[in-house]
Amino acid sequence: MIKNKKELQELPANIKIGYSTYSFDFWPDTFASTEDAQGEFFSTLNKIGLKESSHNSIAGVNTLLHEILHGIVYQWSIEMGDKEEQTVNTLANGLTTVLVDNPWLISYIKKYV
């Protein structure tokens, strides 16, 4: 449900996590299953839903990392029980902070990956 493809073209149509490919689905602010959600990972639908309004922002980066971490937890069958959301949120926030505080890191990673 991409409204403005030019604005959202920075992201490809999908992302591969493990052996599965997950397509991105962009939502209006009121579409998430909970209105506080910035994104959702749908393992059985092979989709990652992202809120359109925060896409082009640091919050969008954080949300994308958050949902990718959910994908990693799912694909590698990491058992976290009721701690998954807290753990994923903490790791995504930490990674986002490291990337903001160290802008050179992305270039370094891109050079060697």
PDB file of N, CA and C in Angstrom:
ATOM      1  N   MET A   1       0.823  -1.174   0.000  1.00  0.00           N
ATOM      2  CA  MET A   1       0.000   0.000   0.000  1.00  0.00           C
ATOM      3  C   MET A   1       0.872   1.243   0.000  1.00  0.00           C
ATOM      4  N   ILE A   2       1.875   1.265  -0.888  1.00  0.00           N
ATOM      5  CA  ILE A   2       2.782   2.394  -1.017  1.00  0.00           C
ATOM      6  C   ILE A   2       2.066   3.518  -1.747  1.00  0.00           C
ATOM      7  N   LYS A   3       2.018   4.692  -1.112  1.00  0.00           N
ATOM      8  CA  LYS A   3       1.338   5.837  -1.712  1.00  0.00           C
ATOM      9  C   LYS A   3       2.256   6.617  -2.636  1.00  0.00           C
ATOM     10  N   ASN A   4       3.485   6.853  -2.234  1.00  0.00           N
ATOM     11  CA  ASN A   4       4.408   7.649  -3.008  1.00  0.00           C
ATOM     12  C   ASN A   4       5.697   6.858  -3.193  1.00  0.00           C
ATOM     13  N   LYS A   5       5.789   6.130  -4.285  1.00  0.00           N
ATOM     14  CA  LYS A   5       6.934   5.242  -4.498  1.00  0.00           C
ATOM     15  C   LYS A   5       8.250   6.000  -4.562  1.00  0.00           C
ATOM     16  N   LYS A   6       8.257   7.217  -5.131  1.00  0.00           N
ATOM     17  CA  LYS A   6       9.497   7.980  -5.215  1.00  0.00           C
ATOM     18  C   LYS A   6      10.039   8.283  -3.828  1.00  0.00           C
ATOM     19  N   GLU A   7       9.164   8.677  -2.917  1.00  0.00           N
ATOM     20  CA  GLU A   7       9.590   9.009  -1.557  1.00  0.00           C
ATOM     21  C   GLU A   7      10.086   7.776  -0.814  1.00  0.00           C
ATOM     22  N   LEU A   8       9.518   6.615  -1.089  1.00  0.00           N
ATOM     23  CA  LEU A   8       9.858   5.407  -0.354  1.00  0.00           C
ATOM     24  C   LEU A   8      10.863   4.518  -1.079  1.00  0.00           C
ATOM     25  N   GLN A   9      11.386   4.966  -2.221  1.00  0.00           N
ATOM     26  CA  GLN A   9      12.233   4.094  -3.028  1.00  0.00           C
ATOM     27  C   GLN A   9      13.602   3.821  -2.410  1.00  0.00           C
ATOM     28  N   GLU A  10      13.944   4.492  -1.316  1.00  0.00           N
ATOM     29  CA  GLU A  10      15.211   4.209  -0.669  1.00  0.00           C
ATOM     30  C   GLU A  10      15.279   2.764  -0.192  1.00  0.00           C
ATOM     31  N   LEU A  11      14.150   2.198   0.164  1.00  0.00           N
ATOM     32  CA  LEU A  11      14.102   0.791   0.560  1.00  0.00           C
ATOM     33  C   LEU A  11      13.741  -0.043  -0.658  1.00  0.00           C
ATOM     34  N   PRO A  12      14.368  -1.206  -0.796  1.00  0.00           N
ATOM     35  CA  PRO A  12      13.944  -2.105  -1.867  1.00  0.00           C
ATOM     36  C   PRO A  12      12.562  -2.679  -1.547  1.00  0.00           C
ATOM     37  N   ALA A  13      12.039  -3.470  -2.410  1.00  0.00           N
ATOM     38  CA  ALA A  13      10.697  -4.039  -2.214  1.00  0.00           C
ATOM     39  C   ALA A  13      10.676  -5.087  -1.112  1.00  0.00           C
ATOM     40  N   ASN A  14      11.854  -5.681  -0.821  1.00  0.00           N
ATOM     41  CA  ASN A  14      11.873  -6.746   0.178  1.00  0.00           C
ATOM     42  C   ASN A  14      13.252  -6.873   0.809  1.00  0.00           C
ATOM     43  N   ILE A  15      13.314  -7.736   1.810  1.00  0.00           N
ATOM     44  CA  ILE A  15      14.570  -8.011   2.511  1.00  0.00           C
ATOM     45  C   ILE A  15      14.644  -9.517   2.777  1.00  0.00           C
ATOM     46  N   LYS A  16      15.841 -10.082   2.621  1.00  0.00           N
ATOM     47  CA  LYS A  16      16.029 -11.504   2.883  1.00  0.00           C
ATOM     48  C   LYS A  16      16.565 -11.661   4.298  1.00  0.00           C
ATOM     49  N   ILE A  17      15.885 -12.474   5.086  1.00  0.00           N
ATOM     50  CA  ILE A  17      16.324 -12.818   6.442  1.00  0.00           C
ATOM     51  C   ILE A  17      16.291 -14.331   6.517  1.00  0.00           C
ATOM     52  N   GLY A  18      17.458 -14.931   6.745  1.00  0.00           N
ATOM     53  CA  GLY A  18      17.525 -16.392   6.729  1.00  0.00           C
ATOM     54  C   GLY A  18      17.185 -16.897   5.339  1.00  0.00           C
ATOM     55  N   TYR A  19      16.358 -17.900   5.263  1.00  0.00           N
ATOM     56  CA  TYR A  19      16.005 -18.475   3.962  1.00  0.00           C
ATOM     57  C   TYR A  19      14.755 -17.842   3.356  1.00  0.00           C
ATOM     58  N   SER A  20      14.142 -16.885   4.051  1.00  0.00           N
ATOM     59  CA  SER A  20      12.896 -16.284   3.578  1.00  0.00           C
ATOM     60  C   SER A  20      13.096 -14.843   3.124  1.00  0.00           C
ATOM     61  N   THR A  21      12.262 -14.443   2.201  1.00  0.00           N
ATOM     62  CA  THR A  21      12.236 -13.063   1.736  1.00  0.00           C
ATOM     63  C   THR A  21      10.952 -12.419   2.239  1.00  0.00           C
ATOM     64  N   TYR A  22      11.089 -11.259   2.858  1.00  0.00           N
ATOM     65  CA  TYR A  22       9.957 -10.531   3.442  1.00  0.00           C
ATOM     66  C   TYR A  22       9.750  -9.240   2.666  1.00  0.00           C
ATOM     67  N   SER A  23       8.526  -9.035   2.200  1.00  0.00           N
ATOM     68  CA  SER A  23       8.225  -7.799   1.483  1.00  0.00           C
ATOM     69  C   SER A  23       7.866  -6.707   2.483  1.00  0.00           C
ATOM     70  N   PHE A  24       8.113  -5.466   2.079  1.00  0.00           N
ATOM     71  CA  PHE A  24       7.754  -4.323   2.907  1.00  0.00           C
ATOM     72  C   PHE A  24       6.351  -3.860   2.560  1.00  0.00           C
ATOM     73  N   ASP A  25       5.610  -3.534   3.574  1.00  0.00           N
ATOM     74  CA  ASP A  25       4.247  -3.034   3.420  1.00  0.00           C
ATOM     75  C   ASP A  25       4.181  -1.728   4.205  1.00  0.00           C
ATOM     76  N   PHE A  26       3.871  -0.628   3.548  1.00  0.00           N
ATOM     77  CA  PHE A  26       3.839   0.684   4.200  1.00  0.00           C
ATOM     78  C   PHE A  26       2.408   1.066   4.520  1.00  0.00           C
ATOM     79  N   TRP A  27       2.194   1.481   5.770  1.00  0.00           N
ATOM     80  CA  TRP A  27       0.845   1.739   6.269  1.00  0.00           C
ATOM     81  C   TRP A  27       0.625   3.198   6.624  1.00  0.00           C
ATOM     82  N   PRO A  28      -0.631   3.624   6.532  1.00  0.00           N
ATOM     83  CA  PRO A  28      -0.985   4.911   7.151  1.00  0.00           C
ATOM     84  C   PRO A  28      -0.924   4.751   8.667  1.00  0.00           C
ATOM     85  N   ASP A  29      -0.878   5.847   9.381  1.00  0.00           N
ATOM     86  CA  ASP A  29      -0.688   5.797  10.836  1.00  0.00           C
ATOM     87  C   ASP A  29      -1.722   4.977  11.588  1.00  0.00           C
ATOM     88  N   THR A  30      -2.913   4.843  11.085  1.00  0.00           N
ATOM     89  CA  THR A  30      -3.979   4.146  11.809  1.00  0.00           C
ATOM     90  C   THR A  30      -4.131   2.690  11.417  1.00  0.00           C
ATOM     91  N   PHE A  31      -3.200   2.129  10.652  1.00  0.00           N
ATOM     92  CA  PHE A  31      -3.372   0.786  10.111  1.00  0.00           C
ATOM     93  C   PHE A  31      -2.817  -0.321  10.992  1.00  0.00           C
ATOM     94  N   ALA A  32      -1.818  -0.040  11.820  1.00  0.00           N
ATOM     95  CA  ALA A  32      -1.179  -1.078  12.634  1.00  0.00           C
ATOM     96  C   ALA A  32      -2.197  -1.727  13.562  1.00  0.00           C
ATOM     97  N   SER A  33      -1.921  -2.955  13.962  1.00  0.00           N
ATOM     98  CA  SER A  33      -2.860  -3.662  14.835  1.00  0.00           C
ATOM     99  C   SER A  33      -2.985  -2.989  16.196  1.00  0.00           C
ATOM    100  N   THR A  34      -1.956  -2.287  16.603  1.00  0.00           N
ATOM    101  CA  THR A  34      -2.075  -1.393  17.754  1.00  0.00           C
ATOM    102  C   THR A  34      -1.611  -0.034  17.257  1.00  0.00           C
ATOM    103  N   GLU A  35      -2.299   1.003  17.637  1.00  0.00           N
ATOM    104  CA  GLU A  35      -1.965   2.320  17.084  1.00  0.00           C
ATOM    105  C   GLU A  35      -0.610   2.829  17.542  1.00  0.00           C
ATOM    106  N   ASP A  36      -0.050   2.238  18.582  1.00  0.00           N
ATOM    107  CA  ASP A  36       1.288   2.633  19.016  1.00  0.00           C
ATOM    108  C   ASP A  36       2.375   1.973  18.180  1.00  0.00           C
ATOM    109  N   ALA A  37       2.039   0.929  17.446  1.00  0.00           N
ATOM    110  CA  ALA A  37       3.040   0.184  16.678  1.00  0.00           C
ATOM    111  C   ALA A  37       3.583   1.029  15.541  1.00  0.00           C
ATOM    112  N   GLN A  38       4.904   1.029  15.416  1.00  0.00           N
ATOM    113  CA  GLN A  38       5.568   1.694  14.294  1.00  0.00           C
ATOM    114  C   GLN A  38       5.823   0.706  13.160  1.00  0.00           C
ATOM    115  N   GLY A  39       5.745  -0.568  13.488  1.00  0.00           N
ATOM    116  CA  GLY A  39       5.962  -1.619  12.507  1.00  0.00           C
ATOM    117  C   GLY A  39       5.545  -2.951  13.097  1.00  0.00           C
ATOM    118  N   GLU A  40       5.470  -3.952  12.231  1.00  0.00           N
ATOM    119  CA  GLU A  40       5.146  -5.308  12.681  1.00  0.00           C
ATOM    120  C   GLU A  40       5.825  -6.313  11.766  1.00  0.00           C
ATOM    121  N   PHE A  41       6.216  -7.432  12.353  1.00  0.00           N
ATOM    122  CA  PHE A  41       6.813  -8.535  11.619  1.00  0.00           C
ATOM    123  C   PHE A  41       5.771  -9.632  11.496  1.00  0.00           C
ATOM    124  N   PHE A  42       5.483 -10.049  10.263  1.00  0.00           N
ATOM    125  CA  PHE A  42       4.481 -11.086  10.004  1.00  0.00           C
ATOM    126  C   PHE A  42       5.182 -12.311   9.420  1.00  0.00           C
ATOM    127  N   SER A  43       5.494 -13.277  10.278  1.00  0.00           N
ATOM    128  CA  SER A  43       6.263 -14.442   9.838  1.00  0.00           C
ATOM    129  C   SER A  43       5.511 -15.276   8.807  1.00  0.00           C
ATOM    130  N   THR A  44       4.226 -15.512   9.007  1.00  0.00           N
ATOM    131  CA  THR A  44       3.487 -16.386   8.098  1.00  0.00           C
ATOM    132  C   THR A  44       3.115 -15.697   6.790  1.00  0.00           C
ATOM    133  N   LEU A  45       3.046 -14.374   6.781  1.00  0.00           N
ATOM    134  CA  LEU A  45       2.732 -13.634   5.553  1.00  0.00           C
ATOM    135  C   LEU A  45       3.984 -13.186   4.810  1.00  0.00           C
ATOM    136  N   ASN A  46       5.147 -13.417   5.417  1.00  0.00           N
ATOM    137  CA  ASN A  46       6.423 -12.953   4.866  1.00  0.00           C
ATOM    138  C   ASN A  46       6.386 -11.458   4.544  1.00  0.00           C
ATOM    139  N   LYS A  47       5.960 -10.687   5.540  1.00  0.00           N
ATOM    140  CA  LYS A  47       5.876  -9.232   5.377  1.00  0.00           C
ATOM    141  C   LYS A  47       6.419  -8.529   6.608  1.00  0.00           C
ATOM    142  N   ILE A  48       6.911  -7.332   6.360  1.00  0.00           N
ATOM    143  CA  ILE A  48       7.255  -6.398   7.428  1.00  0.00           C
ATOM    144  C   ILE A  48       6.462  -5.136   7.157  1.00  0.00           C
ATOM    145  N   GLY A  49       5.583  -4.816   8.081  1.00  0.00           N
ATOM    146  CA  GLY A  49       4.783  -3.599   7.962  1.00  0.00           C
ATOM    147  C   GLY A  49       5.499  -2.444   8.625  1.00  0.00           C
ATOM    148  N   LEU A  50       5.513  -1.290   7.947  1.00  0.00           N
ATOM    149  CA  LEU A  50       6.170  -0.099   8.468  1.00  0.00           C
ATOM    150  C   LEU A  50       5.238   1.103   8.333  1.00  0.00           C
ATOM    151  N   LYS A  51       5.206   1.942   9.344  1.00  0.00           N
ATOM    152  CA  LYS A  51       4.374   3.144   9.314  1.00  0.00           C
ATOM    153  C   LYS A  51       4.976   4.161   8.347  1.00  0.00           C
ATOM    154  N   GLU A  52       4.176   4.608   7.378  1.00  0.00           N
ATOM    155  CA  GLU A  52       4.647   5.542   6.363  1.00  0.00           C
ATOM    156  C   GLU A  52       5.200   6.838   6.954  1.00  0.00           C
ATOM    157  N   SER A  53       4.540   7.355   7.963  1.00  0.00           N
ATOM    158  CA  SER A  53       4.898   8.683   8.461  1.00  0.00           C
ATOM    159  C   SER A  53       6.283   8.750   9.091  1.00  0.00           C
ATOM    160  N   SER A  54       6.820   7.635   9.542  1.00  0.00           N
ATOM    161  CA  SER A  54       8.143   7.674  10.163  1.00  0.00           C
ATOM    162  C   SER A  54       9.221   7.064   9.279  1.00  0.00           C
ATOM    163  N   HIS A  55       8.849   6.695   8.055  1.00  0.00           N
ATOM    164  CA  HIS A  55       9.774   5.987   7.163  1.00  0.00           C
ATOM    165  C   HIS A  55      11.086   6.739   6.964  1.00  0.00           C
ATOM    166  N   ASN A  56      11.017   7.997   6.619  1.00  0.00           N
ATOM    167  CA  ASN A  56      12.220   8.768   6.302  1.00  0.00           C
ATOM    168  C   ASN A  56      12.730   9.521   7.523  1.00  0.00           C
ATOM    169  N   SER A  57      13.069   8.782   8.562  1.00  0.00           N
ATOM    170  CA  SER A  57      13.530   9.397   9.800  1.00  0.00           C
ATOM    171  C   SER A  57      14.365   8.392  10.588  1.00  0.00           C
ATOM    172  N   ILE A  58      15.001   8.880  11.632  1.00  0.00           N
ATOM    173  CA  ILE A  58      15.759   7.975  12.493  1.00  0.00           C
ATOM    174  C   ILE A  58      14.815   6.985  13.168  1.00  0.00           C
ATOM    175  N   ALA A  59      13.582   7.412  13.448  1.00  0.00           N
ATOM    176  CA  ALA A  59      12.594   6.483  14.014  1.00  0.00           C
ATOM    177  C   ALA A  59      12.295   5.361  13.031  1.00  0.00           C
ATOM    178  N   GLY A  60      12.277   5.677  11.741  1.00  0.00           N
ATOM    179  CA  GLY A  60      12.070   4.649  10.719  1.00  0.00           C
ATOM    180  C   GLY A  60      13.215   3.652  10.670  1.00  0.00           C
ATOM    181  N   VAL A  61      14.445   4.142  10.813  1.00  0.00           N
ATOM    182  CA  VAL A  61      15.616   3.266  10.859  1.00  0.00           C
ATOM    183  C   VAL A  61      15.503   2.342  12.066  1.00  0.00           C
ATOM    184  N   ASN A  62      15.156   2.911  13.210  1.00  0.00           N
ATOM    185  CA  ASN A  62      15.020   2.121  14.429  1.00  0.00           C
ATOM    186  C   ASN A  62      13.940   1.057  14.270  1.00  0.00           C
ATOM    187  N   THR A  63      12.819   1.435  13.685  1.00  0.00           N
ATOM    188  CA  THR A  63      11.728   0.481  13.473  1.00  0.00           C
ATOM    189  C   THR A  63      12.157  -0.635  12.531  1.00  0.00           C
ATOM    190  N   LEU A  64      12.842  -0.288  11.457  1.00  0.00           N
ATOM    191  CA  LEU A  64      13.304  -1.302  10.516  1.00  0.00           C
ATOM    192  C   LEU A  64      14.265  -2.273  11.196  1.00  0.00           C
ATOM    193  N   LEU A  65      15.215  -1.766  11.953  1.00  0.00           N
ATOM    194  CA  LEU A  65      16.130  -2.647  12.696  1.00  0.00           C
ATOM    195  C   LEU A  65      15.360  -3.530  13.670  1.00  0.00           C
ATOM    196  N   HIS A  66      14.383  -2.957  14.339  1.00  0.00           N
ATOM    197  CA  HIS A  66      13.552  -3.691  15.295  1.00  0.00           C
ATOM    198  C   HIS A  66      12.863  -4.880  14.612  1.00  0.00           C
ATOM    199  N   GLU A  67      12.227  -4.627  13.473  1.00  0.00           N
ATOM    200  CA  GLU A  67      11.500  -5.694  12.775  1.00  0.00           C
ATOM    201  C   GLU A  67      12.456  -6.724  12.178  1.00  0.00           C
ATOM    202  N   ILE A  68      13.630  -6.291  11.721  1.00  0.00           N
ATOM    203  CA  ILE A  68      14.637  -7.242  11.236  1.00  0.00           C
ATOM    204  C   ILE A  68      15.075  -8.166  12.370  1.00  0.00           C
ATOM    205  N   LEU A  69      15.252  -7.610  13.560  1.00  0.00           N
ATOM    206  CA  LEU A  69      15.621  -8.441  14.713  1.00  0.00           C
ATOM    207  C   LEU A  69      14.532  -9.460  15.037  1.00  0.00           C
ATOM    208  N   HIS A  70      13.259  -9.067  14.917  1.00  0.00           N
ATOM    209  CA  HIS A  70      12.181 -10.050  15.088  1.00  0.00           C
ATOM    210  C   HIS A  70      12.322 -11.164  14.045  1.00  0.00           C
ATOM    211  N   GLY A  71      12.674 -10.780  12.815  1.00  0.00           N
ATOM    212  CA  GLY A  71      12.874 -11.780  11.769  1.00  0.00           C
ATOM    213  C   GLY A  71      14.006 -12.733  12.093  1.00  0.00           C
ATOM    214  N   ILE A  72      15.087 -12.218  12.640  1.00  0.00           N
ATOM    215  CA  ILE A  72      16.218 -13.060  13.029  1.00  0.00           C
ATOM    216  C   ILE A  72      15.800 -14.015  14.143  1.00  0.00           C
ATOM    217  N   VAL A  73      15.105 -13.494  15.140  1.00  0.00           N
ATOM    218  CA  VAL A  73      14.618 -14.340  16.238  1.00  0.00           C
ATOM    219  C   VAL A  73      13.749 -15.465  15.679  1.00  0.00           C
ATOM    220  N   TYR A  74      12.863 -15.137  14.742  1.00  0.00           N
ATOM    221  CA  TYR A  74      11.972 -16.139  14.157  1.00  0.00           C
ATOM    222  C   TYR A  74      12.755 -17.156  13.314  1.00  0.00           C
ATOM    223  N   GLN A  75      13.589 -16.674  12.403  1.00  0.00           N
ATOM    224  CA  GLN A  75      14.285 -17.559  11.466  1.00  0.00           C
ATOM    225  C   GLN A  75      15.255 -18.507  12.155  1.00  0.00           C
ATOM    226  N   TRP A  76      15.876 -18.053  13.220  1.00  0.00           N
ATOM    227  CA  TRP A  76      16.839 -18.897  13.910  1.00  0.00           C
ATOM    228  C   TRP A  76      16.256 -19.529  15.172  1.00  0.00           C
ATOM    229  N   SER A  77      14.943 -19.474  15.298  1.00  0.00           N
ATOM    230  CA  SER A  77      14.224 -20.127  16.409  1.00  0.00           C
ATOM    231  C   SER A  77      14.830 -19.827  17.775  1.00  0.00           C
ATOM    232  N   ILE A  78      15.079 -18.553  18.014  1.00  0.00           N
ATOM    233  CA  ILE A  78      15.616 -18.134  19.308  1.00  0.00           C
ATOM    234  C   ILE A  78      14.456 -18.034  20.284  1.00  0.00           C
ATOM    235  N   GLU A  79      14.479 -18.867  21.298  1.00  0.00           N
ATOM    236  CA  GLU A  79      13.397 -18.890  22.284  1.00  0.00           C
ATOM    237  C   GLU A  79      13.603 -17.786  23.320  1.00  0.00           C
ATOM    238  N   MET A  80      12.698 -16.820  23.341  1.00  0.00           N
ATOM    239  CA  MET A  80      12.788 -15.727  24.297  1.00  0.00           C
ATOM    240  C   MET A  80      11.545 -15.610  25.168  1.00  0.00           C
ATOM    241  N   GLY A  81      10.517 -16.344  24.817  1.00  0.00           N
ATOM    242  CA  GLY A  81       9.283 -16.247  25.583  1.00  0.00           C
ATOM    243  C   GLY A  81       8.763 -14.827  25.592  1.00  0.00           C
ATOM    244  N   ASP A  82       8.320 -14.391  26.759  1.00  0.00           N
ATOM    245  CA  ASP A  82       7.729 -13.050  26.847  1.00  0.00           C
ATOM    246  C   ASP A  82       8.775 -11.940  26.900  1.00  0.00           C
ATOM    247  N   LYS A  83      10.047 -12.274  26.786  1.00  0.00           N
ATOM    248  CA  LYS A  83      11.129 -11.273  26.780  1.00  0.00           C
ATOM    249  C   LYS A  83      11.506 -10.818  25.374  1.00  0.00           C
ATOM    250  N   GLU A  84      10.895 -11.409  24.339  1.00  0.00           N
ATOM    251  CA  GLU A  84      11.302 -11.069  22.969  1.00  0.00           C
ATOM    252  C   GLU A  84      11.130  -9.591  22.668  1.00  0.00           C
ATOM    253  N   GLU A  85       9.978  -9.028  22.945  1.00  0.00           N
ATOM    254  CA  GLU A  85       9.736  -7.628  22.586  1.00  0.00           C
ATOM    255  C   GLU A  85      10.707  -6.695  23.298  1.00  0.00           C
ATOM    256  N   GLN A  86      10.908  -6.920  24.576  1.00  0.00           N
ATOM    257  CA  GLN A  86      11.824  -6.076  25.339  1.00  0.00           C
ATOM    258  C   GLN A  86      13.258  -6.214  24.816  1.00  0.00           C
ATOM    259  N   THR A  87      13.685  -7.437  24.541  1.00  0.00           N
ATOM    260  CA  THR A  87      15.041  -7.677  24.061  1.00  0.00           C
ATOM    261  C   THR A  87      15.243  -7.064  22.683  1.00  0.00           C
ATOM    262  N   VAL A  88      14.308  -7.290  21.769  1.00  0.00           N
ATOM    263  CA  VAL A  88      14.405  -6.735  20.414  1.00  0.00           C
ATOM    264  C   VAL A  88      14.403  -5.210  20.475  1.00  0.00           C
ATOM    265  N   ASN A  89      13.541  -4.641  21.281  1.00  0.00           N
ATOM    266  CA  ASN A  89      13.468  -3.185  21.403  1.00  0.00           C
ATOM    267  C   ASN A  89      14.778  -2.612  21.943  1.00  0.00           C
ATOM    268  N   THR A  90      15.327  -3.250  22.969  1.00  0.00           N
ATOM    269  CA  THR A  90      16.577  -2.790  23.562  1.00  0.00           C
ATOM    270  C   THR A  90      17.722  -2.872  22.556  1.00  0.00           C
ATOM    271  N   LEU A  91      17.818  -3.985  21.829  1.00  0.00           N
ATOM    272  CA  LEU A  91      18.883  -4.134  20.834  1.00  0.00           C
ATOM    273  C   LEU A  91      18.733  -3.144  19.678  1.00  0.00           C
ATOM    274  N   ALA A  92      17.516  -2.959  19.190  1.00  0.00           N
ATOM    275  CA  ALA A  92      17.287  -1.997  18.101  1.00  0.00           C
ATOM    276  C   ALA A  92      17.640  -0.584  18.553  1.00  0.00           C
ATOM    277  N   ASN A  93      17.221  -0.208  19.761  1.00  0.00           N
ATOM    278  CA  ASN A  93      17.554   1.119  20.276  1.00  0.00           C
ATOM    279  C   ASN A  93      19.064   1.279  20.421  1.00  0.00           C
ATOM    280  N   GLY A  94      19.721   0.236  20.917  1.00  0.00           N
ATOM    281  CA  GLY A  94      21.173   0.289  21.064  1.00  0.00           C
ATOM    282  C   GLY A  94      21.886   0.412  19.732  1.00  0.00           C
ATOM    283  N   LEU A  95      21.489  -0.405  18.761  1.00  0.00           N
ATOM    284  CA  LEU A  95      22.101  -0.326  17.427  1.00  0.00           C
ATOM    285  C   LEU A  95      21.869   1.027  16.777  1.00  0.00           C
ATOM    286  N   THR A  96      20.663   1.548  16.884  1.00  0.00           N
ATOM    287  CA  THR A  96      20.361   2.857  16.306  1.00  0.00           C
ATOM    288  C   THR A  96      21.227   3.931  16.944  1.00  0.00           C
ATOM    289  N   THR A  97      21.377   3.883  18.255  1.00  0.00           N
ATOM    290  CA  THR A  97      22.213   4.864  18.952  1.00  0.00           C
ATOM    291  C   THR A  97      23.669   4.774  18.501  1.00  0.00           C
ATOM    292  N   VAL A  98      24.193   3.555  18.372  1.00  0.00           N
ATOM    293  CA  VAL A  98      25.570   3.378  17.909  1.00  0.00           C
ATOM    294  C   VAL A  98      25.727   3.961  16.507  1.00  0.00           C
ATOM    295  N   LEU A  99      24.762   3.729  15.627  1.00  0.00           N
ATOM    296  CA  LEU A  99      24.846   4.243  14.257  1.00  0.00           C
ATOM    297  C   LEU A  99      24.765   5.771  14.219  1.00  0.00           C
ATOM    298  N   VAL A 100      23.918   6.356  15.057  1.00  0.00           N
ATOM    299  CA  VAL A 100      23.802   7.817  15.118  1.00  0.00           C
ATOM    300  C   VAL A 100      25.097   8.425  15.674  1.00  0.00           C
ATOM    301  N   ASP A 101      25.626   7.828  16.719  1.00  0.00           N
ATOM    302  CA  ASP A 101      26.810   8.373  17.379  1.00  0.00           C
ATOM    303  C   ASP A 101      28.105   8.132  16.605  1.00  0.00           C
ATOM    304  N   ASN A 102      28.075   7.220  15.661  1.00  0.00           N
ATOM    305  CA  ASN A 102      29.274   6.850  14.897  1.00  0.00           C
ATOM    306  C   ASN A 102      28.952   6.777  13.405  1.00  0.00           C
ATOM    307  N   PRO A 103      28.745   7.927  12.758  1.00  0.00           N
ATOM    308  CA  PRO A 103      28.319   7.917  11.349  1.00  0.00           C
ATOM    309  C   PRO A 103      29.305   7.241  10.401  1.00  0.00           C
ATOM    310  N   TRP A 104      30.560   7.118  10.767  1.00  0.00           N
ATOM    311  CA  TRP A 104      31.562   6.447   9.944  1.00  0.00           C
ATOM    312  C   TRP A 104      31.307   4.948   9.839  1.00  0.00           C
ATOM    313  N   LEU A 105      30.559   4.378  10.799  1.00  0.00           N
ATOM    314  CA  LEU A 105      30.393   2.934  10.897  1.00  0.00           C
ATOM    315  C   LEU A 105      29.706   2.329   9.670  1.00  0.00           C
ATOM    316  N   ILE A 106      28.705   3.001   9.135  1.00  0.00           N
ATOM    317  CA  ILE A 106      27.982   2.473   7.963  1.00  0.00           C
ATOM    318  C   ILE A 106      28.946   2.335   6.769  1.00  0.00           C
ATOM    319  N   SER A 107      29.767   3.361   6.533  1.00  0.00           N
ATOM    320  CA  SER A 107      30.733   3.298   5.424  1.00  0.00           C
ATOM    321  C   SER A 107      31.726   2.164   5.618  1.00  0.00           C
ATOM    322  N   TYR A 108      32.171   1.988   6.836  1.00  0.00           N
ATOM    323  CA  TYR A 108      33.103   0.897   7.146  1.00  0.00           C
ATOM    324  C   TYR A 108      32.456  -0.461   6.867  1.00  0.00           C
ATOM    325  N   ILE A 109      31.248  -0.640   7.343  1.00  0.00           N
ATOM    326  CA  ILE A 109      30.529  -1.905   7.134  1.00  0.00           C
ATOM    327  C   ILE A 109      30.316  -2.139   5.636  1.00  0.00           C
ATOM    328  N   LYS A 110      29.865  -1.117   4.913  1.00  0.00           N
ATOM    329  CA  LYS A 110      29.628  -1.266   3.474  1.00  0.00           C
ATOM    330  C   LYS A 110      30.896  -1.645   2.715  1.00  0.00           C
ATOM    331  N   LYS A 111      32.035  -1.135   3.159  1.00  0.00           N
ATOM    332  CA  LYS A 111      33.300  -1.428   2.487  1.00  0.00           C
ATOM    333  C   LYS A 111      33.661  -2.902   2.580  1.00  0.00           C
ATOM    334  N   TYR A 112      33.329  -3.557   3.689  1.00  0.00           N
ATOM    335  CA  TYR A 112      33.794  -4.922   3.911  1.00  0.00           C
ATOM    336  C   TYR A 112      32.704  -5.987   3.834  1.00  0.00           C
ATOM    337  N   VAL A 113      31.491  -5.597   3.572  1.00  0.00           N
ATOM    338  CA  VAL A 113      30.424  -6.588   3.443  1.00  0.00           C
ATOM    339  C   VAL A 113      30.165  -6.856   1.979  1.00  0.00           C
TER     340      VAL A 113
END
